[in-house]
Amino acid sequence: YTYDLSIDMDSLQLDTARLDLSTLQTTSLFDLHYVQPYAC
């Protein structure tokens, strides 16, 4: 919903997923606030 201008930026979330390159299968992991900094 990042392009839905009716939604405030503070309400957006960042969803994460894991893509296994050996199988090209994607698994959902977790979500967090859109503007939070992150690193792996």
PDB file of all heavy atoms in Angstrom:
ATOM      1  N   TYR A   1       0.806  -1.228   0.000  1.00  0.00           N
ATOM      2  CA  TYR A   1       0.000   0.000   0.000  1.00  0.00           C
ATOM      3  C   TYR A   1       0.843   1.284   0.000  1.00  0.00           C
ATOM      4  O   TYR A   1       0.339   2.347   0.330  1.00  0.00           O
ATOM      5  CB  TYR A   1      -0.961   0.034   1.196  1.00  0.00           C
ATOM      6  CG  TYR A   1      -1.765  -1.216   1.356  1.00  0.00           C
ATOM      7  CD1 TYR A   1      -1.574  -2.060   2.443  1.00  0.00           C
ATOM      8  CD2 TYR A   1      -2.724  -1.569   0.410  1.00  0.00           C
ATOM      9  CE1 TYR A   1      -2.309  -3.221   2.582  1.00  0.00           C
ATOM     10  CE2 TYR A   1      -3.476  -2.729   0.541  1.00  0.00           C
ATOM     11  CZ  TYR A   1      -3.257  -3.545   1.624  1.00  0.00           C
ATOM     12  OH  TYR A   1      -3.992  -4.696   1.761  1.00  0.00           O
ATOM     13  N   THR A   2       2.089   1.211  -0.393  1.00  0.00           N
ATOM     14  CA  THR A   2       2.925   2.412  -0.335  1.00  0.00           C
ATOM     15  C   THR A   2       2.431   3.502  -1.282  1.00  0.00           C
ATOM     16  O   THR A   2       2.708   4.683  -1.073  1.00  0.00           O
ATOM     17  CB  THR A   2       4.394   2.065  -0.640  1.00  0.00           C
ATOM     18  OG1 THR A   2       5.200   3.215  -0.411  1.00  0.00           O
ATOM     19  CG2 THR A   2       4.571   1.641  -2.094  1.00  0.00           C
ATOM     20  N   TYR A   3       1.699   3.126  -2.352  1.00  0.00           N
ATOM     21  CA  TYR A   3       1.190   4.114  -3.293  1.00  0.00           C
ATOM     22  C   TYR A   3      -0.221   4.597  -2.966  1.00  0.00           C
ATOM     23  O   TYR A   3      -0.795   5.382  -3.716  1.00  0.00           O
ATOM     24  CB  TYR A   3       1.237   3.563  -4.724  1.00  0.00           C
ATOM     25  CG  TYR A   3       2.635   3.245  -5.185  1.00  0.00           C
ATOM     26  CD1 TYR A   3       2.963   1.998  -5.703  1.00  0.00           C
ATOM     27  CD2 TYR A   3       3.653   4.198  -5.080  1.00  0.00           C
ATOM     28  CE1 TYR A   3       4.260   1.712  -6.118  1.00  0.00           C
ATOM     29  CE2 TYR A   3       4.942   3.916  -5.492  1.00  0.00           C
ATOM     30  CZ  TYR A   3       5.245   2.676  -6.007  1.00  0.00           C
ATOM     31  OH  TYR A   3       6.517   2.390  -6.403  1.00  0.00           O
ATOM     32  N   ASP A   4      -0.771   4.106  -1.870  1.00  0.00           N
ATOM     33  CA  ASP A   4      -2.087   4.572  -1.427  1.00  0.00           C
ATOM     34  C   ASP A   4      -1.888   5.829  -0.593  1.00  0.00           C
ATOM     35  O   ASP A   4      -1.499   5.767   0.572  1.00  0.00           O
ATOM     36  CB  ASP A   4      -2.785   3.484  -0.615  1.00  0.00           C
ATOM     37  CG  ASP A   4      -4.218   3.860  -0.256  1.00  0.00           C
ATOM     38  OD1 ASP A   4      -4.573   5.050  -0.381  1.00  0.00           O
ATOM     39  OD2 ASP A   4      -4.971   2.962   0.173  1.00  0.00           O
ATOM     40  N   LEU A   5      -2.120   6.995  -1.202  1.00  0.00           N
ATOM     41  CA  LEU A   5      -1.832   8.260  -0.535  1.00  0.00           C
ATOM     42  C   LEU A   5      -2.773   8.544   0.634  1.00  0.00           C
ATOM     43  O   LEU A   5      -2.530   9.480   1.403  1.00  0.00           O
ATOM     44  CB  LEU A   5      -1.894   9.407  -1.551  1.00  0.00           C
ATOM     45  CG  LEU A   5      -0.916   9.291  -2.732  1.00  0.00           C
ATOM     46  CD1 LEU A   5      -1.037  10.507  -3.631  1.00  0.00           C
ATOM     47  CD2 LEU A   5       0.500   9.108  -2.243  1.00  0.00           C
ATOM     48  N   SER A   6      -3.836   7.749   0.765  1.00  0.00           N
ATOM     49  CA  SER A   6      -4.731   7.942   1.899  1.00  0.00           C
ATOM     50  C   SER A   6      -4.166   7.349   3.181  1.00  0.00           C
ATOM     51  O   SER A   6      -4.677   7.607   4.277  1.00  0.00           O
ATOM     52  CB  SER A   6      -6.097   7.308   1.607  1.00  0.00           C
ATOM     53  OG  SER A   6      -5.990   5.883   1.517  1.00  0.00           O
ATOM     54  N   ILE A   7      -3.108   6.547   3.055  1.00  0.00           N
ATOM     55  CA  ILE A   7      -2.480   5.918   4.218  1.00  0.00           C
ATOM     56  C   ILE A   7      -1.275   6.736   4.646  1.00  0.00           C
ATOM     57  O   ILE A   7      -0.376   7.013   3.846  1.00  0.00           O
ATOM     58  CB  ILE A   7      -2.060   4.473   3.903  1.00  0.00           C
ATOM     59  CG1 ILE A   7      -3.289   3.635   3.554  1.00  0.00           C
ATOM     60  CG2 ILE A   7      -1.317   3.846   5.076  1.00  0.00           C
ATOM     61  CD1 ILE A   7      -2.968   2.204   3.190  1.00  0.00           C
ATOM     62  N   ASP A   8      -1.254   7.151   5.898  1.00  0.00           N
ATOM     63  CA  ASP A   8      -0.148   7.925   6.438  1.00  0.00           C
ATOM     64  C   ASP A   8       1.125   7.081   6.449  1.00  0.00           C
ATOM     65  O   ASP A   8       1.087   5.875   6.692  1.00  0.00           O
ATOM     66  CB  ASP A   8      -0.481   8.393   7.858  1.00  0.00           C
ATOM     67  CG  ASP A   8       0.581   9.317   8.405  1.00  0.00           C
ATOM     68  OD1 ASP A   8       0.501  10.530   8.153  1.00  0.00           O
ATOM     69  OD2 ASP A   8       1.495   8.810   9.094  1.00  0.00           O
ATOM     70  N   MET A   9       2.285   7.720   6.176  1.00  0.00           N
ATOM     71  CA  MET A   9       3.548   6.998   6.132  1.00  0.00           C
ATOM     72  C   MET A   9       3.824   6.269   7.443  1.00  0.00           C
ATOM     73  O   MET A   9       4.397   5.179   7.458  1.00  0.00           O
ATOM     74  CB  MET A   9       4.706   7.958   5.816  1.00  0.00           C
ATOM     75  CG  MET A   9       6.033   7.255   5.601  1.00  0.00           C
ATOM     76  SD  MET A   9       7.360   8.351   5.044  1.00  0.00           S
ATOM     77  CE  MET A   9       7.618   9.348   6.506  1.00  0.00           C
ATOM     78  N   ASP A  10       3.402   6.857   8.573  1.00  0.00           N
ATOM     79  CA  ASP A  10       3.635   6.225   9.865  1.00  0.00           C
ATOM     80  C   ASP A  10       2.846   4.942  10.025  1.00  0.00           C
ATOM     81  O   ASP A  10       3.111   4.158  10.943  1.00  0.00           O
ATOM     82  CB  ASP A  10       3.294   7.194  10.995  1.00  0.00           C
ATOM     83  CG  ASP A  10       4.289   8.336  11.095  1.00  0.00           C
ATOM     84  OD1 ASP A  10       5.437   8.151  10.635  1.00  0.00           O
ATOM     85  OD2 ASP A  10       3.935   9.412  11.609  1.00  0.00           O
ATOM     86  N   SER A  11       1.856   4.725   9.153  1.00  0.00           N
ATOM     87  CA  SER A  11       1.043   3.514   9.248  1.00  0.00           C
ATOM     88  C   SER A  11       1.534   2.409   8.320  1.00  0.00           C
ATOM     89  O   SER A  11       1.051   1.273   8.386  1.00  0.00           O
ATOM     90  CB  SER A  11      -0.420   3.838   8.908  1.00  0.00           C
ATOM     91  OG  SER A  11      -0.939   4.809   9.792  1.00  0.00           O
ATOM     92  N   LEU A  12       2.487   2.719   7.439  1.00  0.00           N
ATOM     93  CA  LEU A  12       2.998   1.716   6.514  1.00  0.00           C
ATOM     94  C   LEU A  12       3.910   0.732   7.228  1.00  0.00           C
ATOM     95  O   LEU A  12       4.558   1.062   8.224  1.00  0.00           O
ATOM     96  CB  LEU A  12       3.766   2.396   5.376  1.00  0.00           C
ATOM     97  CG  LEU A  12       2.953   3.247   4.405  1.00  0.00           C
ATOM     98  CD1 LEU A  12       3.887   3.936   3.421  1.00  0.00           C
ATOM     99  CD2 LEU A  12       1.924   2.405   3.668  1.00  0.00           C
ATOM    100  N   GLN A  13       3.967  -0.476   6.696  1.00  0.00           N
ATOM    101  CA  GLN A  13       4.861  -1.472   7.265  1.00  0.00           C
ATOM    102  C   GLN A  13       5.790  -2.024   6.197  1.00  0.00           C
ATOM    103  O   GLN A  13       5.471  -1.999   5.002  1.00  0.00           O
ATOM    104  CB  GLN A  13       4.073  -2.619   7.909  1.00  0.00           C
ATOM    105  CG  GLN A  13       3.309  -3.478   6.911  1.00  0.00           C
ATOM    106  CD  GLN A  13       2.524  -4.584   7.589  1.00  0.00           C
ATOM    107  OE1 GLN A  13       2.098  -4.432   8.736  1.00  0.00           O
ATOM    108  NE2 GLN A  13       2.338  -5.701   6.895  1.00  0.00           N
ATOM    109  N   LEU A  14       6.930  -2.510   6.639  1.00  0.00           N
ATOM    110  CA  LEU A  14       7.913  -3.133   5.757  1.00  0.00           C
ATOM    111  C   LEU A  14       7.847  -4.636   6.006  1.00  0.00           C
ATOM    112  O   LEU A  14       8.126  -5.097   7.110  1.00  0.00           O
ATOM    113  CB  LEU A  14       9.310  -2.596   6.069  1.00  0.00           C
ATOM    114  CG  LEU A  14      10.434  -3.051   5.151  1.00  0.00           C
ATOM    115  CD1 LEU A  14      10.397  -2.278   3.844  1.00  0.00           C
ATOM    116  CD2 LEU A  14      11.795  -2.851   5.828  1.00  0.00           C
ATOM    117  N   ASP A  15       7.437  -5.389   5.001  1.00  0.00           N
ATOM    118  CA  ASP A  15       7.372  -6.837   5.120  1.00  0.00           C
ATOM    119  C   ASP A  15       8.670  -7.455   4.615  1.00  0.00           C
ATOM    120  O   ASP A  15       9.284  -6.960   3.668  1.00  0.00           O
ATOM    121  CB  ASP A  15       6.196  -7.396   4.320  1.00  0.00           C
ATOM    122  CG  ASP A  15       4.851  -7.068   4.956  1.00  0.00           C
ATOM    123  OD1 ASP A  15       4.850  -6.471   6.049  1.00  0.00           O
ATOM    124  OD2 ASP A  15       3.817  -7.394   4.356  1.00  0.00           O
ATOM    125  N   THR A  16       9.067  -8.550   5.231  1.00  0.00           N
ATOM    126  CA  THR A  16      10.311  -9.223   4.845  1.00  0.00           C
ATOM    127  C   THR A  16      10.025 -10.669   4.451  1.00  0.00           C
ATOM    128  O   THR A  16       9.092 -11.295   4.953  1.00  0.00           O
ATOM    129  CB  THR A  16      11.349  -9.210   5.987  1.00  0.00           C
ATOM    130  OG1 THR A  16      10.806  -9.903   7.111  1.00  0.00           O
ATOM    131  CG2 THR A  16      11.691  -7.792   6.394  1.00  0.00           C
ATOM    132  N   ALA A  17      10.853 -11.174   3.556  1.00  0.00           N
ATOM    133  CA  ALA A  17      10.722 -12.557   3.101  1.00  0.00           C
ATOM    134  C   ALA A  17      12.111 -13.113   2.807  1.00  0.00           C
ATOM    135  O   ALA A  17      13.061 -12.365   2.565  1.00  0.00           O
ATOM    136  CB  ALA A  17       9.833 -12.644   1.866  1.00  0.00           C
ATOM    137  N   ARG A  18      12.214 -14.425   2.809  1.00  0.00           N
ATOM    138  CA  ARG A  18      13.468 -15.126   2.546  1.00  0.00           C
ATOM    139  C   ARG A  18      13.333 -15.897   1.235  1.00  0.00           C
ATOM    140  O   ARG A  18      12.398 -16.685   1.069  1.00  0.00           O
ATOM    141  CB  ARG A  18      13.777 -16.087   3.698  1.00  0.00           C
ATOM    142  CG  ARG A  18      15.058 -16.904   3.532  1.00  0.00           C
ATOM    143  CD  ARG A  18      15.179 -17.923   4.659  1.00  0.00           C
ATOM    144  NE  ARG A  18      16.405 -18.696   4.535  1.00  0.00           N
ATOM    145  CZ  ARG A  18      17.550 -18.400   5.123  1.00  0.00           C
ATOM    146  NH1 ARG A  18      17.608 -17.333   5.911  1.00  0.00           N
ATOM    147  NH2 ARG A  18      18.632 -19.139   4.956  1.00  0.00           N
ATOM    148  N   LEU A  19      14.235 -15.633   0.288  1.00  0.00           N
ATOM    149  CA  LEU A  19      14.227 -16.333  -0.989  1.00  0.00           C
ATOM    150  C   LEU A  19      15.407 -17.292  -1.044  1.00  0.00           C
ATOM    151  O   LEU A  19      16.569 -16.868  -1.069  1.00  0.00           O
ATOM    152  CB  LEU A  19      14.313 -15.346  -2.149  1.00  0.00           C
ATOM    153  CG  LEU A  19      14.496 -15.968  -3.536  1.00  0.00           C
ATOM    154  CD1 LEU A  19      13.292 -16.821  -3.926  1.00  0.00           C
ATOM    155  CD2 LEU A  19      14.750 -14.894  -4.586  1.00  0.00           C
ATOM    156  N   ASP A  20      15.116 -18.595  -1.050  1.00  0.00           N
ATOM    157  CA  ASP A  20      16.146 -19.620  -1.166  1.00  0.00           C
ATOM    158  C   ASP A  20      16.528 -19.741  -2.643  1.00  0.00           C
ATOM    159  O   ASP A  20      15.713 -20.158  -3.476  1.00  0.00           O
ATOM    160  CB  ASP A  20      15.603 -20.952  -0.637  1.00  0.00           C
ATOM    161  CG  ASP A  20      16.669 -22.037  -0.593  1.00  0.00           C
ATOM    162  OD1 ASP A  20      17.647 -21.960  -1.363  1.00  0.00           O
ATOM    163  OD2 ASP A  20      16.520 -22.984   0.209  1.00  0.00           O
ATOM    164  N   LEU A  21      17.744 -19.369  -2.990  1.00  0.00           N
ATOM    165  CA  LEU A  21      18.161 -19.362  -4.397  1.00  0.00           C
ATOM    166  C   LEU A  21      18.339 -20.762  -4.971  1.00  0.00           C
ATOM    167  O   LEU A  21      18.344 -20.934  -6.186  1.00  0.00           O
ATOM    168  CB  LEU A  21      19.456 -18.571  -4.557  1.00  0.00           C
ATOM    169  CG  LEU A  21      19.311 -17.059  -4.387  1.00  0.00           C
ATOM    170  CD1 LEU A  21      20.674 -16.387  -4.353  1.00  0.00           C
ATOM    171  CD2 LEU A  21      18.458 -16.456  -5.499  1.00  0.00           C
ATOM    172  N   SER A  22      18.485 -21.765  -4.113  1.00  0.00           N
ATOM    173  CA  SER A  22      18.624 -23.132  -4.623  1.00  0.00           C
ATOM    174  C   SER A  22      17.296 -23.707  -5.090  1.00  0.00           C
ATOM    175  O   SER A  22      17.259 -24.603  -5.932  1.00  0.00           O
ATOM    176  CB  SER A  22      19.244 -24.036  -3.553  1.00  0.00           C
ATOM    177  OG  SER A  22      18.380 -24.129  -2.416  1.00  0.00           O
ATOM    178  N   THR A  23      16.190 -23.177  -4.547  1.00  0.00           N
ATOM    179  CA  THR A  23      14.866 -23.668  -4.932  1.00  0.00           C
ATOM    180  C   THR A  23      13.984 -22.581  -5.526  1.00  0.00           C
ATOM    181  O   THR A  23      12.922 -22.874  -6.084  1.00  0.00           O
ATOM    182  CB  THR A  23      14.138 -24.248  -3.703  1.00  0.00           C
ATOM    183  OG1 THR A  23      13.939 -23.203  -2.738  1.00  0.00           O
ATOM    184  CG2 THR A  23      14.957 -25.373  -3.082  1.00  0.00           C
ATOM    185  N   LEU A  24      14.397 -21.310  -5.374  1.00  0.00           N
ATOM    186  CA  LEU A  24      13.608 -20.139  -5.776  1.00  0.00           C
ATOM    187  C   LEU A  24      12.248 -20.114  -5.072  1.00  0.00           C
ATOM    188  O   LEU A  24      11.248 -19.651  -5.624  1.00  0.00           O
ATOM    189  CB  LEU A  24      13.444 -20.075  -7.288  1.00  0.00           C
ATOM    190  CG  LEU A  24      14.729 -19.832  -8.085  1.00  0.00           C
ATOM    191  CD1 LEU A  24      14.435 -19.752  -9.577  1.00  0.00           C
ATOM    192  CD2 LEU A  24      15.426 -18.562  -7.613  1.00  0.00           C
ATOM    193  N   GLN A  25      12.232 -20.616  -3.840  1.00  0.00           N
ATOM    194  CA  GLN A  25      11.031 -20.585  -3.009  1.00  0.00           C
ATOM    195  C   GLN A  25      11.142 -19.448  -2.000  1.00  0.00           C
ATOM    196  O   GLN A  25      12.197 -19.253  -1.380  1.00  0.00           O
ATOM    197  CB  GLN A  25      10.848 -21.917  -2.283  1.00  0.00           C
ATOM    198  CG  GLN A  25      10.613 -23.094  -3.210  1.00  0.00           C
ATOM    199  CD  GLN A  25       9.338 -22.946  -4.027  1.00  0.00           C
ATOM    200  OE1 GLN A  25       8.260 -22.693  -3.484  1.00  0.00           O
ATOM    201  NE2 GLN A  25       9.462 -23.116  -5.343  1.00  0.00           N
ATOM    202  N   THR A  26      10.037 -18.712  -1.829  1.00  0.00           N
ATOM    203  CA  THR A  26      10.005 -17.566  -0.928  1.00  0.00           C
ATOM    204  C   THR A  26       9.194 -17.890   0.317  1.00  0.00           C
ATOM    205  O   THR A  26       8.110 -18.482   0.228  1.00  0.00           O
ATOM    206  CB  THR A  26       9.388 -16.344  -1.627  1.00  0.00           C
ATOM    207  OG1 THR A  26      10.155 -16.038  -2.807  1.00  0.00           O
ATOM    208  CG2 THR A  26       9.399 -15.126  -0.715  1.00  0.00           C
ATOM    209  N   THR A  27       9.725 -17.490   1.489  1.00  0.00           N
ATOM    210  CA  THR A  27       9.045 -17.700   2.754  1.00  0.00           C
ATOM    211  C   THR A  27       8.911 -16.361   3.474  1.00  0.00           C
ATOM    212  O   THR A  27       9.899 -15.651   3.660  1.00  0.00           O
ATOM    213  CB  THR A  27       9.839 -18.663   3.651  1.00  0.00           C
ATOM    214  OG1 THR A  27      10.055 -19.893   2.952  1.00  0.00           O
ATOM    215  CG2 THR A  27       9.092 -18.939   4.957  1.00  0.00           C
ATOM    216  N   SER A  28       7.689 -16.001   3.875  1.00  0.00           N
ATOM    217  CA  SER A  28       7.477 -14.763   4.626  1.00  0.00           C
ATOM    218  C   SER A  28       8.111 -14.886   6.007  1.00  0.00           C
ATOM    219  O   SER A  28       8.080 -15.952   6.641  1.00  0.00           O
ATOM    220  CB  SER A  28       5.981 -14.471   4.765  1.00  0.00           C
ATOM    221  OG  SER A  28       5.405 -14.222   3.498  1.00  0.00           O
ATOM    222  N   LEU A  29       8.672 -13.773   6.493  1.00  0.00           N
ATOM    223  CA  LEU A  29       9.360 -13.792   7.777  1.00  0.00           C
ATOM    224  C   LEU A  29       8.644 -12.947   8.830  1.00  0.00           C
ATOM    225  O   LEU A  29       8.058 -13.466   9.768  1.00  0.00           O
ATOM    226  CB  LEU A  29      10.809 -13.314   7.612  1.00  0.00           C
ATOM    227  CG  LEU A  29      11.728 -14.220   6.786  1.00  0.00           C
ATOM    228  CD1 LEU A  29      13.102 -13.583   6.603  1.00  0.00           C
ATOM    229  CD2 LEU A  29      11.863 -15.594   7.441  1.00  0.00           C
ATOM    230  N   PHE A  30       8.665 -11.615   8.700  1.00  0.00           N
ATOM    231  CA  PHE A  30       8.098 -10.723   9.709  1.00  0.00           C
ATOM    232  C   PHE A  30       7.872  -9.364   9.073  1.00  0.00           C
ATOM    233  O   PHE A  30       8.267  -9.118   7.934  1.00  0.00           O
ATOM    234  CB  PHE A  30       9.038 -10.593  10.924  1.00  0.00           C
ATOM    235  CG  PHE A  30      10.457 -10.269  10.550  1.00  0.00           C
ATOM    236  CD1 PHE A  30      10.863  -8.957  10.344  1.00  0.00           C
ATOM    237  CD2 PHE A  30      11.389 -11.282  10.376  1.00  0.00           C
ATOM    238  CE1 PHE A  30      12.154  -8.653   9.971  1.00  0.00           C
ATOM    239  CE2 PHE A  30      12.699 -10.990  10.005  1.00  0.00           C
ATOM    240  CZ  PHE A  30      13.080  -9.670   9.798  1.00  0.00           C
ATOM    241  N   ASP A  31       7.219  -8.464   9.802  1.00  0.00           N
ATOM    242  CA  ASP A  31       7.057  -7.101   9.315  1.00  0.00           C
ATOM    243  C   ASP A  31       7.461  -6.125  10.410  1.00  0.00           C
ATOM    244  O   ASP A  31       7.499  -6.473  11.595  1.00  0.00           O
ATOM    245  CB  ASP A  31       5.620  -6.833   8.851  1.00  0.00           C
ATOM    246  CG  ASP A  31       4.598  -7.050   9.944  1.00  0.00           C
ATOM    247  OD1 ASP A  31       4.472  -6.160  10.816  1.00  0.00           O
ATOM    248  OD2 ASP A  31       3.943  -8.094   9.938  1.00  0.00           O
ATOM    249  N   LEU A  32       7.769  -4.899  10.020  1.00  0.00           N
ATOM    250  CA  LEU A  32       8.159  -3.863  10.961  1.00  0.00           C
ATOM    251  C   LEU A  32       7.730  -2.518  10.413  1.00  0.00           C
ATOM    252  O   LEU A  32       7.223  -2.417   9.287  1.00  0.00           O
ATOM    253  CB  LEU A  32       9.666  -3.881  11.227  1.00  0.00           C
ATOM    254  CG  LEU A  32      10.612  -3.701  10.029  1.00  0.00           C
ATOM    255  CD1 LEU A  32      11.862  -2.965  10.461  1.00  0.00           C
ATOM    256  CD2 LEU A  32      11.018  -5.069   9.488  1.00  0.00           C
ATOM    257  N   HIS A  33       7.950  -1.470  11.206  1.00  0.00           N
ATOM    258  CA  HIS A  33       7.533  -0.132  10.803  1.00  0.00           C
ATOM    259  C   HIS A  33       8.343   0.314   9.588  1.00  0.00           C
ATOM    260  O   HIS A  33       9.546   0.075   9.501  1.00  0.00           O
ATOM    261  CB  HIS A  33       7.727   0.843  11.971  1.00  0.00           C
ATOM    262  CG  HIS A  33       7.065   2.166  11.767  1.00  0.00           C
ATOM    263  ND1 HIS A  33       7.702   3.226  11.183  1.00  0.00           N
ATOM    264  CD2 HIS A  33       5.808   2.595  12.038  1.00  0.00           C
ATOM    265  CE1 HIS A  33       6.880   4.263  11.118  1.00  0.00           C
ATOM    266  NE2 HIS A  33       5.723   3.908  11.623  1.00  0.00           N
ATOM    267  N   TYR A  34       7.685   0.992   8.661  1.00  0.00           N
ATOM    268  CA  TYR A  34       8.283   1.352   7.385  1.00  0.00           C
ATOM    269  C   TYR A  34       9.559   2.171   7.530  1.00  0.00           C
ATOM    270  O   TYR A  34      10.524   1.965   6.793  1.00  0.00           O
ATOM    271  CB  TYR A  34       7.246   2.125   6.558  1.00  0.00           C
ATOM    272  CG  TYR A  34       7.743   2.651   5.237  1.00  0.00           C
ATOM    273  CD1 TYR A  34       8.349   1.811   4.306  1.00  0.00           C
ATOM    274  CD2 TYR A  34       7.578   3.994   4.901  1.00  0.00           C
ATOM    275  CE1 TYR A  34       8.787   2.292   3.086  1.00  0.00           C
ATOM    276  CE2 TYR A  34       8.014   4.478   3.673  1.00  0.00           C
ATOM    277  CZ  TYR A  34       8.618   3.627   2.779  1.00  0.00           C
ATOM    278  OH  TYR A  34       9.061   4.102   1.571  1.00  0.00           O
ATOM    279  N   VAL A  35       9.595   3.123   8.462  1.00  0.00           N
ATOM    280  CA  VAL A  35      10.730   4.045   8.530  1.00  0.00           C
ATOM    281  C   VAL A  35      11.834   3.562   9.459  1.00  0.00           C
ATOM    282  O   VAL A  35      12.830   4.253   9.646  1.00  0.00           O
ATOM    283  CB  VAL A  35      10.271   5.453   8.974  1.00  0.00           C
ATOM    284  CG1 VAL A  35       9.301   6.030   7.966  1.00  0.00           C
ATOM    285  CG2 VAL A  35       9.669   5.428  10.374  1.00  0.00           C
ATOM    286  N   GLN A  36      11.708   2.384  10.053  1.00  0.00           N
ATOM    287  CA  GLN A  36      12.754   1.908  10.952  1.00  0.00           C
ATOM    288  C   GLN A  36      14.018   1.562  10.176  1.00  0.00           C
ATOM    289  O   GLN A  36      13.958   0.930   9.117  1.00  0.00           O
ATOM    290  CB  GLN A  36      12.269   0.673  11.720  1.00  0.00           C
ATOM    291  CG  GLN A  36      11.257   0.970  12.803  1.00  0.00           C
ATOM    292  CD  GLN A  36      10.805  -0.282  13.524  1.00  0.00           C
ATOM    293  OE1 GLN A  36       9.623  -0.517  13.704  1.00  0.00           O
ATOM    294  NE2 GLN A  36      11.755  -1.090  13.945  1.00  0.00           N
ATOM    295  N   PRO A  37      15.194   1.936  10.691  1.00  0.00           N
ATOM    296  CA  PRO A  37      16.441   1.516  10.046  1.00  0.00           C
ATOM    297  C   PRO A  37      16.657   0.022  10.257  1.00  0.00           C
ATOM    298  O   PRO A  37      16.141  -0.553  11.217  1.00  0.00           O
ATOM    299  CB  PRO A  37      17.506   2.342  10.781  1.00  0.00           C
ATOM    300  CG  PRO A  37      16.916   2.583  12.135  1.00  0.00           C
ATOM    301  CD  PRO A  37      15.434   2.727  11.921  1.00  0.00           C
ATOM    302  N   TYR A  38      17.421  -0.603   9.369  1.00  0.00           N
ATOM    303  CA  TYR A  38      17.651  -2.041   9.530  1.00  0.00           C
ATOM    304  C   TYR A  38      18.963  -2.451   8.868  1.00  0.00           C
ATOM    305  O   TYR A  38      19.508  -1.752   8.009  1.00  0.00           O
ATOM    306  CB  TYR A  38      16.490  -2.857   8.953  1.00  0.00           C
ATOM    307  CG  TYR A  38      16.207  -2.629   7.489  1.00  0.00           C
ATOM    308  CD1 TYR A  38      16.914  -3.303   6.497  1.00  0.00           C
ATOM    309  CD2 TYR A  38      15.207  -1.741   7.084  1.00  0.00           C
ATOM    310  CE1 TYR A  38      16.650  -3.098   5.151  1.00  0.00           C
ATOM    311  CE2 TYR A  38      14.942  -1.528   5.732  1.00  0.00           C
ATOM    312  CZ  TYR A  38      15.670  -2.220   4.782  1.00  0.00           C
ATOM    313  OH  TYR A  38      15.406  -2.009   3.447  1.00  0.00           O
ATOM    314  N   ALA A  39      19.467  -3.614   9.281  1.00  0.00           N
ATOM    315  CA  ALA A  39      20.673  -4.218   8.701  1.00  0.00           C
ATOM    316  C   ALA A  39      20.669  -5.701   9.032  1.00  0.00           C
ATOM    317  O   ALA A  39      20.054  -6.128  10.019  1.00  0.00           O
ATOM    318  CB  ALA A  39      21.937  -3.547   9.238  1.00  0.00           C
ATOM    319  N   CYS A  40      21.372  -6.496   8.220  1.00  0.00           N
ATOM    320  CA  CYS A  40      21.461  -7.947   8.424  1.00  0.00           C
ATOM    321  C   CYS A  40      22.908  -8.348   8.642  1.00  0.00           C
ATOM    322  O   CYS A  40      23.817  -7.788   8.025  1.00  0.00           O
ATOM    323  CB  CYS A  40      20.926  -8.698   7.208  1.00  0.00           C
ATOM    324  SG  CYS A  40      19.234  -8.326   6.746  1.00  0.00           S
TER     325      CYS A  40
END
